[in-house]
Amino acid sequence: MSKYTPLWEYVQKNGSETLKLTFEEIQNIAGVPIDHSFLQYKKELTEYGYQAGKISMKEQTVIFNKMD
């Protein structure tokens, strides 16, 4: 289990085609702040049927997209 597993499960349970979360929301869900390692961990998300889309440092948001 990775440190972002709670986040992946949250995204999957949400079931939306597209889900936009702030860095603060991600920290609250995952229990850890988003950091540079997120770029490595985001590959795990495909196992849950989603992929990380745009990561905005300016807006401090991440968009998650459901895979076909």
Protein backbone atom coordinates (compact mmCIF):
# COMPACT_ATOMS: atom_id res chain seq x y z
CA MET A 1 0.00 0.00 0.00
CA SER A 2 1.41 3.37 -1.00
CA LYS A 3 0.99 6.62 0.87
CA TYR A 4 -1.52 7.74 -1.76
CA THR A 5 -3.75 4.62 -1.66
CA PRO A 6 -6.49 6.44 0.33
CA LEU A 7 -6.54 9.11 -2.40
CA TRP A 8 -6.76 6.57 -5.22
CA GLU A 9 -9.64 4.83 -3.44
CA TYR A 10 -11.41 8.16 -2.91
CA VAL A 11 -11.12 9.05 -6.59
CA GLN A 12 -12.37 5.61 -7.63
CA LYS A 13 -15.35 5.69 -5.23
CA ASN A 14 -16.28 9.17 -6.47
CA GLY A 15 -16.90 7.66 -9.91
CA SER A 16 -16.90 10.97 -11.80
CA GLU A 17 -15.56 11.24 -15.33
CA THR A 18 -13.42 14.17 -14.17
CA LEU A 19 -12.57 15.16 -10.62
CA LYS A 20 -10.66 18.29 -9.60
CA LEU A 21 -9.08 18.38 -6.15
CA THR A 22 -6.95 21.01 -4.47
CA PHE A 23 -3.61 20.14 -2.88
CA GLU A 24 -5.25 20.80 0.50
CA GLU A 25 -8.09 18.36 -0.24
CA ILE A 26 -5.55 15.76 -1.37
CA GLN A 27 -3.63 16.19 1.88
CA ASN A 28 -6.84 15.78 3.90
CA ILE A 29 -7.84 12.63 2.00
CA ALA A 30 -4.40 10.98 1.80
CA GLY A 31 -3.15 12.17 5.17
CA VAL A 32 0.09 13.37 3.59
CA PRO A 33 0.95 16.56 1.70
CA ILE A 34 1.37 16.36 -2.05
CA ASP A 35 5.05 16.55 -2.95
CA HIS A 36 7.42 15.80 -5.83
CA SER A 37 7.05 12.05 -5.25
CA PHE A 38 3.42 12.38 -6.40
CA LEU A 39 4.73 12.33 -9.97
CA GLN A 40 6.10 8.82 -9.37
CA TYR A 41 3.11 7.54 -7.40
CA LYS A 42 0.48 8.79 -9.87
CA LYS A 43 1.23 5.76 -12.09
CA GLU A 44 -0.53 3.59 -9.49
CA LEU A 45 -3.80 5.38 -10.20
CA THR A 46 -4.30 3.47 -13.46
CA GLU A 47 -4.98 0.35 -11.37
CA TYR A 48 -8.07 2.18 -10.10
CA GLY A 49 -9.33 3.14 -13.58
CA TYR A 50 -8.14 6.75 -13.49
CA GLN A 51 -5.18 8.84 -14.53
CA ALA A 52 -3.86 12.13 -13.22
CA GLY A 53 -4.40 14.85 -15.77
CA LYS A 54 -3.35 18.45 -15.38
CA ILE A 55 -1.40 19.33 -12.25
CA SER A 56 -1.56 23.10 -11.74
CA MET A 57 1.05 24.56 -9.43
CA LYS A 58 -0.53 28.02 -9.83
CA GLU A 59 -4.02 26.89 -8.82
CA GLN A 60 -2.65 24.10 -6.61
CA THR A 61 -5.05 21.57 -8.12
CA VAL A 62 -4.93 18.16 -9.74
CA ILE A 63 -7.48 16.93 -12.27
CA PHE A 64 -8.21 13.20 -12.31
CA ASN A 65 -9.74 11.64 -15.43
CA LYS A 66 -11.58 8.33 -15.73
CA MET A 67 -9.97 6.00 -18.26
CA ASP A 68 -12.04 4.42 -21.06
